[in-house]
Amino acid sequence: MATAVHPEADTRARRPEPGGPGPGQNTPGRQSRSTPPAPPTKKRRGRGGVGGNSPAGLSWGLIIPSIAVVAIVSIFPIVYAINLSLHETSYMQVGDFIGLDNFLPIFTTPEGLAQIGRSLIYVVGSLLIAVPLSLGLANLLNQQVRFRRVFRILILLPWVVSQTVAALLWKWLVNPDYGALGLGDVFGNRIDFLANPVLAMVLLIVVNVWISYPLATILCLASLQTIPEELREAAEVDGAGPFRRFMQVTLPLMKPTLFVVAIQLTLLYFNMVTLVYTLTGGGPLDGTNVLSLSAYKESFEFFNLGLGAAYSVVLFAFNVLFGAAYIRLLRSEKND
C-alpha cells in the first residue's frame, strides 16, 4: 500500500534552515563538483645559441655551414694569395718576407704596364660590344614573332660551347688557308689574324663576345619581361615612337639590370684564362698577353708562385675597383 505524503511536509523538508547554506552553496564537509582552475604553467624558453630551439639558434645553425664554405672557397684563397705575394717562393716552398718586391715587375716595367693596358683594352672593348648587342637581341627576342623559340635557341647556342671548343673553332674559321672566314691574300697582302698583334686582339675580343653575350641576353630579356606593357602603351598614346619609348621607358627601367650585367661580364673577362691561352697563347709578340694569362703562366709554367700570386692580387684589386664603381653608379641612379 502506498503511503501518501502531505504537500506541506515535502515543502518543509526542502526549505533551508535559517543561517544555513543557500541553494547552490556547498555545505561544510561536502566538496564542490566544479574543478578548480589549474595554476598557470610557465613556458620553458628555448636555449639560445647554435642548436637551440629559438629562432636565433636555428638561424645560426643554418648560416654557419654557408659561412664556413664561403670562407674555405673564397676568403682563404684570397688571404693565402696575398700572403704568398709578399714572400719569396721556390716552387711550392715559401721563403723570406720580401714585401712588395713581387709587385714591382707589374707596375714599374714596360712589360707589366703593357699587360695592364692590354687587359683594360680586352675588358672594356668586350663590354662595349657585348652589352649593347645583348640589349638589342633581348628586344628582338621579346617581340611577338613567328619561330621565336627557334630564334632564342639559335641566339643562345654559343652559351653551351666551352671556351676551349670555341677557341679551336674560331682558329679553324679564320685560318687564311682553309678557314671559312679566312681572308687569305687581299691586294697582295696576306691577312692572318693570329700573326698580327692588333688583329689577334680584335679576334680575341670578338670570340670573347661570342661566347659571353648569351648570358647577358638572358638577363636583359628577363628584365624586359618585367616591364609593364601599360607603360609602353601609355607612351605610344602620347605620341612616342619606338625609339623614344625605348629611351624614355624601357632603358631607365633596365638600368639596374644593365649594371648587374656589366659587373658579371667584367669579373668574367678579367679572370678569363682558357680562351686566351687556347686561342692565341698570349701572342703574337705578346700582343694578347693579359694579366690573367700572365698569372697562369707564372704560377703553372714557370712555377714562380710569388709573382703569379702578385698578378692574382692585382686582378682581384681590379675586380673590386670596377665592382665598387658599378655599385656606386647604380646607387646614384636610384637616388636620382
C-alpha atoms as a PDB file:
ATOM      1  CA  MET A   1       0.000   0.000   0.000  1.00  0.00           C
ATOM      2  CA  ALA A   2       1.418   3.393  -0.993  1.00  0.00           C
ATOM      3  CA  THR A   3       1.837   5.994   1.725  1.00  0.00           C
ATOM      4  CA  ALA A   4       0.566   9.478   0.919  1.00  0.00           C
ATOM      5  CA  VAL A   5       2.869  12.418   1.643  1.00  0.00           C
ATOM      6  CA  HIS A   6       1.312  15.715   2.557  1.00  0.00           C
ATOM      7  CA  PRO A   7       2.431  18.607   0.298  1.00  0.00           C
ATOM      8  CA  GLU A   8       3.266  20.878   3.201  1.00  0.00           C
ATOM      9  CA  ALA A   9       5.587  18.290   4.720  1.00  0.00           C
ATOM     10  CA  ASP A  10       7.507  17.964   1.471  1.00  0.00           C
ATOM     11  CA  THR A  11       7.887  21.736   1.250  1.00  0.00           C
ATOM     12  CA  ARG A  12       9.178  21.965   4.823  1.00  0.00           C
ATOM     13  CA  ALA A  13      11.692  19.183   4.116  1.00  0.00           C
ATOM     14  CA  ARG A  14      13.162  21.095   1.153  1.00  0.00           C
ATOM     15  CA  ARG A  15      13.127  24.510   2.848  1.00  0.00           C
ATOM     16  CA  PRO A  16      16.663  25.517   4.033  1.00  0.00           C
ATOM     17  CA  GLU A  17      17.226  26.244   7.694  1.00  0.00           C
ATOM     18  CA  PRO A  18      17.867  29.840   8.788  1.00  0.00           C
ATOM     19  CA  GLY A  19      21.547  30.635   8.701  1.00  0.00           C
ATOM     20  CA  GLY A  20      22.317  27.540   6.643  1.00  0.00           C
ATOM     21  CA  PRO A  21      23.808  27.480   3.208  1.00  0.00           C
ATOM     22  CA  GLY A  22      21.544  28.648   0.497  1.00  0.00           C
ATOM     23  CA  PRO A  23      20.831  26.971  -2.771  1.00  0.00           C
ATOM     24  CA  GLY A  24      23.913  26.394  -4.879  1.00  0.00           C
ATOM     25  CA  GLN A  25      26.227  26.717  -1.824  1.00  0.00           C
ATOM     26  CA  ASN A  26      28.354  23.865  -0.528  1.00  0.00           C
ATOM     27  CA  THR A  27      27.751  22.583   2.913  1.00  0.00           C
ATOM     28  CA  PRO A  28      30.652  22.075   5.322  1.00  0.00           C
ATOM     29  CA  GLY A  29      32.385  18.780   4.663  1.00  0.00           C
ATOM     30  CA  ARG A  30      30.981  18.498   1.140  1.00  0.00           C
ATOM     31  CA  GLN A  31      33.334  19.030  -1.807  1.00  0.00           C
ATOM     32  CA  SER A  32      32.298  21.087  -4.806  1.00  0.00           C
ATOM     33  CA  ARG A  33      31.634  19.304  -8.034  1.00  0.00           C
ATOM     34  CA  SER A  34      33.369  22.061 -10.093  1.00  0.00           C
ATOM     35  CA  THR A  35      37.118  21.502 -10.812  1.00  0.00           C
ATOM     36  CA  PRO A  36      39.340  24.345  -9.536  1.00  0.00           C
ATOM     37  CA  PRO A  37      41.354  26.145 -12.282  1.00  0.00           C
ATOM     38  CA  ALA A  38      44.827  24.786 -12.862  1.00  0.00           C
ATOM     39  CA  PRO A  39      47.690  27.061 -11.878  1.00  0.00           C
ATOM     40  CA  PRO A  40      49.337  28.815 -14.869  1.00  0.00           C
ATOM     41  CA  THR A  41      52.344  26.963 -16.166  1.00  0.00           C
ATOM     42  CA  LYS A  42      55.479  28.798 -17.168  1.00  0.00           C
ATOM     43  CA  LYS A  43      56.659  28.163 -20.697  1.00  0.00           C
ATOM     44  CA  ARG A  44      60.210  26.983 -20.890  1.00  0.00           C
ATOM     45  CA  ARG A  45      62.168  29.329 -23.063  1.00  0.00           C
ATOM     46  CA  GLY A  46      64.402  27.642 -25.595  1.00  0.00           C
ATOM     47  CA  ARG A  47      68.073  27.887 -25.053  1.00  0.00           C
ATOM     48  CA  GLY A  48      69.747  30.415 -27.280  1.00  0.00           C
ATOM     49  CA  GLY A  49      72.821  29.782 -29.334  1.00  0.00           C
ATOM     50  CA  VAL A  50      73.584  27.324 -32.060  1.00  0.00           C
ATOM     51  CA  GLY A  51      71.433  24.213 -31.902  1.00  0.00           C
ATOM     52  CA  GLY A  52      68.874  25.748 -29.504  1.00  0.00           C
ATOM     53  CA  ASN A  53      65.133  25.751 -30.011  1.00  0.00           C
ATOM     54  CA  SER A  54      64.911  29.515 -30.505  1.00  0.00           C
ATOM     55  CA  PRO A  55      64.665  31.066 -33.985  1.00  0.00           C
ATOM     56  CA  ALA A  56      68.062  32.693 -33.467  1.00  0.00           C
ATOM     57  CA  GLY A  57      69.660  29.331 -32.763  1.00  0.00           C
ATOM     58  CA  LEU A  58      68.071  27.818 -35.869  1.00  0.00           C
ATOM     59  CA  SER A  59      69.199  30.779 -37.989  1.00  0.00           C
ATOM     60  CA  TRP A  60      72.808  30.476 -36.828  1.00  0.00           C
ATOM     61  CA  GLY A  61      72.696  26.741 -37.356  1.00  0.00           C
ATOM     62  CA  LEU A  62      71.713  27.285 -40.991  1.00  0.00           C
ATOM     63  CA  ILE A  63      74.095  30.172 -41.638  1.00  0.00           C
ATOM     64  CA  ILE A  64      77.304  28.812 -40.125  1.00  0.00           C
ATOM     65  CA  PRO A  65      77.765  25.983 -42.709  1.00  0.00           C
ATOM     66  CA  SER A  66      77.390  28.516 -45.535  1.00  0.00           C
ATOM     67  CA  ILE A  67      79.863  30.873 -43.885  1.00  0.00           C
ATOM     68  CA  ALA A  68      82.313  28.006 -43.489  1.00  0.00           C
ATOM     69  CA  VAL A  69      82.022  27.050 -47.177  1.00  0.00           C
ATOM     70  CA  VAL A  70      82.486  30.663 -48.304  1.00  0.00           C
ATOM     71  CA  ALA A  71      85.490  31.054 -46.010  1.00  0.00           C
ATOM     72  CA  ILE A  72      87.113  27.888 -47.364  1.00  0.00           C
ATOM     73  CA  VAL A  73      86.339  28.534 -51.030  1.00  0.00           C
ATOM     74  CA  SER A  74      86.735  32.333 -51.251  1.00  0.00           C
ATOM     75  CA  ILE A  75      88.278  34.019 -48.238  1.00  0.00           C
ATOM     76  CA  PHE A  76      91.081  31.558 -47.532  1.00  0.00           C
ATOM     77  CA  PRO A  77      92.439  31.555 -51.144  1.00  0.00           C
ATOM     78  CA  ILE A  78      92.476  35.367 -51.162  1.00  0.00           C
ATOM     79  CA  VAL A  79      94.359  35.565 -47.871  1.00  0.00           C
ATOM     80  CA  TYR A  80      96.743  32.826 -48.975  1.00  0.00           C
ATOM     81  CA  ALA A  81      97.438  34.553 -52.305  1.00  0.00           C
ATOM     82  CA  ILE A  82      98.124  37.888 -50.581  1.00  0.00           C
ATOM     83  CA  ASN A  83     100.493  36.189 -48.140  1.00  0.00           C
ATOM     84  CA  LEU A  84     102.208  34.314 -50.984  1.00  0.00           C
ATOM     85  CA  SER A  85     102.682  37.501 -52.994  1.00  0.00           C
ATOM     86  CA  LEU A  86     104.611  39.050 -50.104  1.00  0.00           C
ATOM     87  CA  HIS A  87     107.139  36.214 -49.814  1.00  0.00           C
ATOM     88  CA  GLU A  88     109.908  34.785 -51.908  1.00  0.00           C
ATOM     89  CA  THR A  89     108.988  31.387 -53.310  1.00  0.00           C
ATOM     90  CA  SER A  90     110.841  28.456 -54.792  1.00  0.00           C
ATOM     91  CA  TYR A  91     108.352  26.124 -56.411  1.00  0.00           C
ATOM     92  CA  MET A  92     105.919  25.264 -53.581  1.00  0.00           C
ATOM     93  CA  GLN A  93     108.220  26.413 -50.792  1.00  0.00           C
ATOM     94  CA  VAL A  94     107.563  29.788 -49.210  1.00  0.00           C
ATOM     95  CA  GLY A  95     110.709  31.682 -48.270  1.00  0.00           C
ATOM     96  CA  ASP A  96     111.536  35.011 -46.690  1.00  0.00           C
ATOM     97  CA  PHE A  97     109.257  38.017 -46.481  1.00  0.00           C
ATOM     98  CA  ILE A  98     110.128  40.448 -49.302  1.00  0.00           C
ATOM     99  CA  GLY A  99     107.276  42.963 -49.075  1.00  0.00           C
ATOM    100  CA  LEU A 100     106.073  44.386 -52.386  1.00  0.00           C
ATOM    101  CA  ASP A 101     109.007  43.194 -54.478  1.00  0.00           C
ATOM    102  CA  ASN A 102     106.799  40.807 -56.470  1.00  0.00           C
ATOM    103  CA  PHE A 103     104.586  43.733 -57.499  1.00  0.00           C
ATOM    104  CA  LEU A 104     107.424  45.824 -58.888  1.00  0.00           C
ATOM    105  CA  PRO A 105     107.662  43.948 -62.242  1.00  0.00           C
ATOM    106  CA  ILE A 106     103.948  44.593 -62.779  1.00  0.00           C
ATOM    107  CA  PHE A 107     103.865  48.343 -62.097  1.00  0.00           C
ATOM    108  CA  THR A 108     107.409  49.518 -62.856  1.00  0.00           C
ATOM    109  CA  THR A 109     108.391  47.684 -66.041  1.00  0.00           C
ATOM    110  CA  PRO A 110     107.161  48.373 -69.594  1.00  0.00           C
ATOM    111  CA  GLU A 111     106.095  44.760 -69.940  1.00  0.00           C
ATOM    112  CA  GLY A 112     103.937  44.853 -66.813  1.00  0.00           C
ATOM    113  CA  LEU A 113     102.310  48.176 -67.727  1.00  0.00           C
ATOM    114  CA  ALA A 114     101.635  46.835 -71.229  1.00  0.00           C
ATOM    115  CA  GLN A 115      99.879  43.816 -69.727  1.00  0.00           C
ATOM    116  CA  ILE A 116      97.652  46.095 -67.661  1.00  0.00           C
ATOM    117  CA  GLY A 117      96.860  48.184 -70.731  1.00  0.00           C
ATOM    118  CA  ARG A 118      96.046  45.112 -72.839  1.00  0.00           C
ATOM    119  CA  SER A 119      93.790  43.774 -70.083  1.00  0.00           C
ATOM    120  CA  LEU A 120      91.849  47.038 -69.963  1.00  0.00           C
ATOM    121  CA  ILE A 121      91.523  47.089 -73.759  1.00  0.00           C
ATOM    122  CA  TYR A 122      90.327  43.496 -73.735  1.00  0.00           C
ATOM    123  CA  VAL A 123      87.761  44.035 -70.956  1.00  0.00           C
ATOM    124  CA  VAL A 124      86.444  47.443 -71.996  1.00  0.00           C
ATOM    125  CA  GLY A 125      86.347  46.523 -75.693  1.00  0.00           C
ATOM    126  CA  SER A 126      84.384  43.363 -74.952  1.00  0.00           C
ATOM    127  CA  LEU A 127      81.936  45.269 -72.724  1.00  0.00           C
ATOM    128  CA  LEU A 128      81.315  47.960 -75.326  1.00  0.00           C
ATOM    129  CA  ILE A 129      80.242  45.276 -77.794  1.00  0.00           C
ATOM    130  CA  ALA A 130      78.606  42.651 -75.572  1.00  0.00           C
ATOM    131  CA  VAL A 131      76.246  44.881 -73.561  1.00  0.00           C
ATOM    132  CA  PRO A 132      74.614  46.775 -76.490  1.00  0.00           C
ATOM    133  CA  LEU A 133      74.474  43.567 -78.535  1.00  0.00           C
ATOM    134  CA  SER A 134      72.764  41.692 -75.718  1.00  0.00           C
ATOM    135  CA  LEU A 135      70.307  44.532 -75.168  1.00  0.00           C
ATOM    136  CA  GLY A 136      69.377  44.619 -78.853  1.00  0.00           C
ATOM    137  CA  LEU A 137      68.957  40.854 -79.111  1.00  0.00           C
ATOM    138  CA  ALA A 138      66.850  40.808 -75.950  1.00  0.00           C
ATOM    139  CA  ASN A 139      64.499  43.368 -77.514  1.00  0.00           C
ATOM    140  CA  LEU A 140      64.216  41.228 -80.629  1.00  0.00           C
ATOM    141  CA  LEU A 141      63.507  38.078 -78.629  1.00  0.00           C
ATOM    142  CA  ASN A 142      60.838  39.943 -76.667  1.00  0.00           C
ATOM    143  CA  GLN A 143      58.805  40.632 -79.814  1.00  0.00           C
ATOM    144  CA  GLN A 144      55.822  38.512 -80.781  1.00  0.00           C
ATOM    145  CA  VAL A 145      57.155  36.957 -83.987  1.00  0.00           C
ATOM    146  CA  ARG A 146      56.897  33.526 -85.555  1.00  0.00           C
ATOM    147  CA  PHE A 147      59.505  30.914 -84.646  1.00  0.00           C
ATOM    148  CA  ARG A 148      60.524  32.989 -81.635  1.00  0.00           C
ATOM    149  CA  ARG A 149      61.583  29.884 -79.728  1.00  0.00           C
ATOM    150  CA  VAL A 150      63.807  28.772 -82.590  1.00  0.00           C
ATOM    151  CA  PHE A 151      65.494  32.171 -82.685  1.00  0.00           C
ATOM    152  CA  ARG A 152      66.041  32.042 -78.936  1.00  0.00           C
ATOM    153  CA  ILE A 153      67.747  28.670 -79.215  1.00  0.00           C
ATOM    154  CA  LEU A 154      69.993  29.821 -82.068  1.00  0.00           C
ATOM    155  CA  ILE A 155      70.973  33.058 -80.354  1.00  0.00           C
ATOM    156  CA  LEU A 156      71.706  31.363 -77.030  1.00  0.00           C
ATOM    157  CA  LEU A 157      73.551  28.416 -78.592  1.00  0.00           C
ATOM    158  CA  PRO A 158      77.114  29.780 -78.036  1.00  0.00           C
ATOM    159  CA  TRP A 159      76.480  29.680 -74.290  1.00  0.00           C
ATOM    160  CA  VAL A 160      76.731  25.880 -74.242  1.00  0.00           C
ATOM    161  CA  VAL A 161      80.084  25.873 -76.045  1.00  0.00           C
ATOM    162  CA  SER A 162      83.133  25.678 -73.791  1.00  0.00           C
ATOM    163  CA  GLN A 163      85.953  28.185 -74.100  1.00  0.00           C
ATOM    164  CA  THR A 164      88.365  25.551 -75.423  1.00  0.00           C
ATOM    165  CA  VAL A 165      85.965  24.400 -78.138  1.00  0.00           C
ATOM    166  CA  ALA A 166      85.154  27.988 -79.086  1.00  0.00           C
ATOM    167  CA  ALA A 167      88.848  28.872 -79.388  1.00  0.00           C
ATOM    168  CA  LEU A 168      89.610  25.851 -81.591  1.00  0.00           C
ATOM    169  CA  LEU A 169      86.528  26.525 -83.716  1.00  0.00           C
ATOM    170  CA  TRP A 170      87.460  30.135 -84.376  1.00  0.00           C
ATOM    171  CA  LYS A 171      91.087  29.242 -85.074  1.00  0.00           C
ATOM    172  CA  TRP A 172      89.810  26.992 -87.836  1.00  0.00           C
ATOM    173  CA  LEU A 173      87.345  29.600 -89.126  1.00  0.00           C
ATOM    174  CA  VAL A 174      89.923  32.397 -89.513  1.00  0.00           C
ATOM    175  CA  ASN A 175      92.704  30.228 -90.888  1.00  0.00           C
ATOM    176  CA  PRO A 176      93.938  32.068 -94.001  1.00  0.00           C
ATOM    177  CA  ASP A 177      94.427  28.851 -95.978  1.00  0.00           C
ATOM    178  CA  TYR A 178      91.276  26.803 -95.445  1.00  0.00           C
ATOM    179  CA  GLY A 179      89.117  28.704 -92.941  1.00  0.00           C
ATOM    180  CA  ALA A 180      85.580  29.712 -93.858  1.00  0.00           C
ATOM    181  CA  LEU A 181      86.243  33.249 -92.590  1.00  0.00           C
ATOM    182  CA  GLY A 182      89.919  33.385 -93.564  1.00  0.00           C
ATOM    183  CA  LEU A 183      90.732  36.376 -95.759  1.00  0.00           C
ATOM    184  CA  GLY A 184      93.905  34.918 -97.247  1.00  0.00           C
ATOM    185  CA  ASP A 185      95.618  37.335 -99.632  1.00  0.00           C
ATOM    186  CA  VAL A 186      93.995  40.750-100.042  1.00  0.00           C
ATOM    187  CA  PHE A 187      95.631  43.112-102.532  1.00  0.00           C
ATOM    188  CA  GLY A 188      98.808  41.089-102.353  1.00  0.00           C
ATOM    189  CA  ASN A 189      98.968  41.135 -98.548  1.00  0.00           C
ATOM    190  CA  ARG A 190      98.385  38.002 -96.552  1.00  0.00           C
ATOM    191  CA  ILE A 191      95.984  38.628 -93.688  1.00  0.00           C
ATOM    192  CA  ASP A 192      96.399  36.240 -90.794  1.00  0.00           C
ATOM    193  CA  PHE A 193      94.523  37.176 -87.636  1.00  0.00           C
ATOM    194  CA  LEU A 194      96.812  35.096 -85.445  1.00  0.00           C
ATOM    195  CA  ALA A 195     100.031  36.556 -86.878  1.00  0.00           C
ATOM    196  CA  ASN A 196      99.293  40.222 -86.247  1.00  0.00           C
ATOM    197  CA  PRO A 197      99.122  41.583 -82.656  1.00  0.00           C
ATOM    198  CA  VAL A 198      96.346  44.067 -83.417  1.00  0.00           C
ATOM    199  CA  LEU A 199      94.227  41.602 -85.398  1.00  0.00           C
ATOM    200  CA  ALA A 200      94.787  38.945 -82.745  1.00  0.00           C
ATOM    201  CA  MET A 201      93.402  41.255 -80.054  1.00  0.00           C
ATOM    202  CA  VAL A 202      90.425  42.089 -82.289  1.00  0.00           C
ATOM    203  CA  LEU A 203      89.792  38.383 -82.854  1.00  0.00           C
ATOM    204  CA  LEU A 204      90.107  37.672 -79.127  1.00  0.00           C
ATOM    205  CA  ILE A 205      87.516  40.337 -78.304  1.00  0.00           C
ATOM    206  CA  VAL A 206      85.128  39.030 -80.983  1.00  0.00           C
ATOM    207  CA  VAL A 207      85.351  35.434 -79.774  1.00  0.00           C
ATOM    208  CA  ASN A 208      85.014  36.560 -76.173  1.00  0.00           C
ATOM    209  CA  VAL A 209      81.831  38.460 -77.020  1.00  0.00           C
ATOM    210  CA  TRP A 210      80.529  35.498 -78.998  1.00  0.00           C
ATOM    211  CA  ILE A 211      80.715  33.102 -76.038  1.00  0.00           C
ATOM    212  CA  SER A 212      79.566  35.580 -73.371  1.00  0.00           C
ATOM    213  CA  TYR A 213      76.704  37.584 -74.885  1.00  0.00           C
ATOM    214  CA  PRO A 214      74.060  34.836 -74.332  1.00  0.00           C
ATOM    215  CA  LEU A 215      74.286  35.235 -70.539  1.00  0.00           C
ATOM    216  CA  ALA A 216      73.794  38.989 -70.806  1.00  0.00           C
ATOM    217  CA  THR A 217      70.965  38.457 -73.299  1.00  0.00           C
ATOM    218  CA  ILE A 218      69.080  36.203 -70.896  1.00  0.00           C
ATOM    219  CA  LEU A 219      69.383  38.730 -68.072  1.00  0.00           C
ATOM    220  CA  CYS A 220      68.245  41.597 -70.297  1.00  0.00           C
ATOM    221  CA  LEU A 221      65.332  39.543 -71.637  1.00  0.00           C
ATOM    222  CA  ALA A 222      64.206  38.695 -68.117  1.00  0.00           C
ATOM    223  CA  SER A 223      64.330  42.386 -67.203  1.00  0.00           C
ATOM    224  CA  LEU A 224      62.341  43.358 -70.293  1.00  0.00           C
ATOM    225  CA  GLN A 225      59.570  40.925 -69.433  1.00  0.00           C
ATOM    226  CA  THR A 226      59.111  42.531 -66.015  1.00  0.00           C
ATOM    227  CA  ILE A 227      58.323  45.959 -67.510  1.00  0.00           C
ATOM    228  CA  PRO A 228      54.528  46.524 -67.562  1.00  0.00           C
ATOM    229  CA  GLU A 229      53.155  46.747 -71.086  1.00  0.00           C
ATOM    230  CA  GLU A 230      50.827  49.533 -69.946  1.00  0.00           C
ATOM    231  CA  LEU A 231      53.788  51.925 -69.700  1.00  0.00           C
ATOM    232  CA  ARG A 232      54.729  51.397 -73.333  1.00  0.00           C
ATOM    233  CA  GLU A 233      51.114  51.693 -74.411  1.00  0.00           C
ATOM    234  CA  ALA A 234      50.724  54.947 -72.490  1.00  0.00           C
ATOM    235  CA  ALA A 235      53.848  56.352 -74.135  1.00  0.00           C
ATOM    236  CA  GLU A 236      52.534  55.276 -77.533  1.00  0.00           C
ATOM    237  CA  VAL A 237      49.240  57.033 -76.862  1.00  0.00           C
ATOM    238  CA  ASP A 238      51.204  60.187 -76.024  1.00  0.00           C
ATOM    239  CA  GLY A 239      52.770  60.024 -79.482  1.00  0.00           C
ATOM    240  CA  ALA A 240      56.158  58.485 -78.630  1.00  0.00           C
ATOM    241  CA  GLY A 241      57.743  56.436 -81.378  1.00  0.00           C
ATOM    242  CA  PRO A 242      59.605  53.121 -80.901  1.00  0.00           C
ATOM    243  CA  PHE A 243      62.988  54.756 -80.305  1.00  0.00           C
ATOM    244  CA  ARG A 244      61.589  57.324 -77.882  1.00  0.00           C
ATOM    245  CA  ARG A 245      59.659  54.623 -75.988  1.00  0.00           C
ATOM    246  CA  PHE A 246      62.833  52.621 -75.656  1.00  0.00           C
ATOM    247  CA  MET A 247      64.938  55.562 -74.466  1.00  0.00           C
ATOM    248  CA  GLN A 248      62.386  57.058 -72.054  1.00  0.00           C
ATOM    249  CA  VAL A 249      60.507  53.980 -70.788  1.00  0.00           C
ATOM    250  CA  THR A 250      62.446  50.764 -71.346  1.00  0.00           C
ATOM    251  CA  LEU A 251      66.051  51.832 -70.822  1.00  0.00           C
ATOM    252  CA  PRO A 252      65.561  53.687 -67.491  1.00  0.00           C
ATOM    253  CA  LEU A 253      63.775  50.671 -66.018  1.00  0.00           C
ATOM    254  CA  MET A 254      66.539  48.344 -67.224  1.00  0.00           C
ATOM    255  CA  LYS A 255      69.486  50.291 -65.806  1.00  0.00           C
ATOM    256  CA  PRO A 256      69.801  48.190 -62.621  1.00  0.00           C
ATOM    257  CA  THR A 257      69.926  45.019 -64.710  1.00  0.00           C
ATOM    258  CA  LEU A 258      72.465  46.518 -67.088  1.00  0.00           C
ATOM    259  CA  PHE A 259      74.737  47.391 -64.161  1.00  0.00           C
ATOM    260  CA  VAL A 260      74.484  43.811 -62.889  1.00  0.00           C
ATOM    261  CA  VAL A 261      75.301  42.523 -66.379  1.00  0.00           C
ATOM    262  CA  ALA A 262      78.308  44.839 -66.571  1.00  0.00           C
ATOM    263  CA  ILE A 263      79.595  43.635 -63.193  1.00  0.00           C
ATOM    264  CA  GLN A 264      79.257  39.963 -64.108  1.00  0.00           C
ATOM    265  CA  LEU A 265      80.906  40.385 -67.512  1.00  0.00           C
ATOM    266  CA  THR A 266      83.743  42.463 -66.052  1.00  0.00           C
ATOM    267  CA  LEU A 267      84.554  39.796 -63.496  1.00  0.00           C
ATOM    268  CA  LEU A 268      84.366  37.144 -66.197  1.00  0.00           C
ATOM    269  CA  TYR A 269      86.628  38.992 -68.638  1.00  0.00           C
ATOM    270  CA  PHE A 270      89.311  39.938 -66.132  1.00  0.00           C
ATOM    271  CA  ASN A 271      89.616  36.355 -64.894  1.00  0.00           C
ATOM    272  CA  MET A 272      89.376  34.584 -68.259  1.00  0.00           C
ATOM    273  CA  VAL A 273      92.361  32.350 -68.980  1.00  0.00           C
ATOM    274  CA  THR A 274      91.240  29.343 -71.034  1.00  0.00           C
ATOM    275  CA  LEU A 275      90.048  31.279 -74.083  1.00  0.00           C
ATOM    276  CA  VAL A 276      93.173  33.447 -74.277  1.00  0.00           C
ATOM    277  CA  TYR A 277      95.527  30.533 -73.675  1.00  0.00           C
ATOM    278  CA  THR A 278      93.891  28.282 -76.290  1.00  0.00           C
ATOM    279  CA  LEU A 279      93.210  30.894 -78.970  1.00  0.00           C
ATOM    280  CA  THR A 280      96.381  32.988 -79.002  1.00  0.00           C
ATOM    281  CA  GLY A 281      98.571  31.810 -76.122  1.00  0.00           C
ATOM    282  CA  GLY A 282      99.357  35.470 -75.417  1.00  0.00           C
ATOM    283  CA  GLY A 283     100.870  36.055 -78.835  1.00  0.00           C
ATOM    284  CA  PRO A 284     101.846  37.055 -81.330  1.00  0.00           C
ATOM    285  CA  LEU A 285     104.685  39.148 -79.859  1.00  0.00           C
ATOM    286  CA  ASP A 286     102.815  39.254 -76.514  1.00  0.00           C
ATOM    287  CA  GLY A 287     100.040  41.193 -78.233  1.00  0.00           C
ATOM    288  CA  THR A 288      97.330  39.375 -76.251  1.00  0.00           C
ATOM    289  CA  ASN A 289      99.270  38.619 -73.066  1.00  0.00           C
ATOM    290  CA  VAL A 290      96.834  39.888 -70.433  1.00  0.00           C
ATOM    291  CA  LEU A 291      97.099  39.820 -66.636  1.00  0.00           C
ATOM    292  CA  SER A 292      95.110  36.624 -66.170  1.00  0.00           C
ATOM    293  CA  LEU A 293      97.271  34.711 -68.626  1.00  0.00           C
ATOM    294  CA  SER A 294     100.444  36.028 -67.001  1.00  0.00           C
ATOM    295  CA  ALA A 295      99.203  34.869 -63.599  1.00  0.00           C
ATOM    296  CA  TYR A 296      98.596  31.398 -65.018  1.00  0.00           C
ATOM    297  CA  LYS A 297     101.956  31.143 -66.782  1.00  0.00           C
ATOM    298  CA  GLU A 298     104.000  32.438 -63.871  1.00  0.00           C
ATOM    299  CA  SER A 299     102.305  30.017 -61.494  1.00  0.00           C
ATOM    300  CA  PHE A 300     101.937  26.814 -63.511  1.00  0.00           C
ATOM    301  CA  GLU A 301     104.531  27.037 -66.288  1.00  0.00           C
ATOM    302  CA  PHE A 302     107.424  28.902 -64.664  1.00  0.00           C
ATOM    303  CA  PHE A 303     106.476  27.867 -61.085  1.00  0.00           C
ATOM    304  CA  ASN A 304     107.120  31.377 -59.795  1.00  0.00           C
ATOM    305  CA  LEU A 305     104.230  31.276 -57.351  1.00  0.00           C
ATOM    306  CA  GLY A 306     105.093  34.551 -55.645  1.00  0.00           C
ATOM    307  CA  LEU A 307     104.900  36.571 -58.864  1.00  0.00           C
ATOM    308  CA  GLY A 308     101.855  34.596 -60.023  1.00  0.00           C
ATOM    309  CA  ALA A 309     100.116  35.378 -56.734  1.00  0.00           C
ATOM    310  CA  ALA A 310     101.008  39.063 -57.194  1.00  0.00           C
ATOM    311  CA  TYR A 311      99.293  39.021 -60.613  1.00  0.00           C
ATOM    312  CA  SER A 312      96.259  37.397 -58.993  1.00  0.00           C
ATOM    313  CA  VAL A 313      96.115  40.062 -56.280  1.00  0.00           C
ATOM    314  CA  VAL A 314      96.256  42.793 -58.933  1.00  0.00           C
ATOM    315  CA  LEU A 315      93.380  41.119 -60.791  1.00  0.00           C
ATOM    316  CA  PHE A 316      91.422  40.925 -57.548  1.00  0.00           C
ATOM    317  CA  ALA A 317      92.021  44.630 -56.954  1.00  0.00           C
ATOM    318  CA  PHE A 318      90.770  45.495 -60.454  1.00  0.00           C
ATOM    319  CA  ASN A 319      87.643  43.400 -59.884  1.00  0.00           C
ATOM    320  CA  VAL A 320      86.951  45.158 -56.590  1.00  0.00           C
ATOM    321  CA  LEU A 321      87.504  48.621 -58.087  1.00  0.00           C
ATOM    322  CA  PHE A 322      85.262  48.032 -61.092  1.00  0.00           C
ATOM    323  CA  GLY A 323      82.587  46.361 -58.962  1.00  0.00           C
ATOM    324  CA  ALA A 324      82.594  49.229 -56.455  1.00  0.00           C
ATOM    325  CA  ALA A 325      82.362  51.765 -59.291  1.00  0.00           C
ATOM    326  CA  TYR A 326      79.358  49.988 -60.813  1.00  0.00           C
ATOM    327  CA  ILE A 327      77.602  49.752 -57.448  1.00  0.00           C
ATOM    328  CA  ARG A 328      78.200  53.430 -56.772  1.00  0.00           C
ATOM    329  CA  LEU A 329      76.777  54.375 -60.166  1.00  0.00           C
ATOM    330  CA  LEU A 330      73.761  52.173 -59.513  1.00  0.00           C
ATOM    331  CA  ARG A 331      73.126  53.802 -56.139  1.00  0.00           C
ATOM    332  CA  SER A 332      73.449  57.269 -57.632  1.00  0.00           C
ATOM    333  CA  GLU A 333      70.885  56.349 -60.299  1.00  0.00           C
ATOM    334  CA  LYS A 334      68.462  55.149 -57.605  1.00  0.00           C
ATOM    335  CA  ASN A 335      68.939  58.336 -55.581  1.00  0.00           C
ATOM    336  CA  ASP A 336      68.253  60.472 -58.639  1.00  0.00           C
END
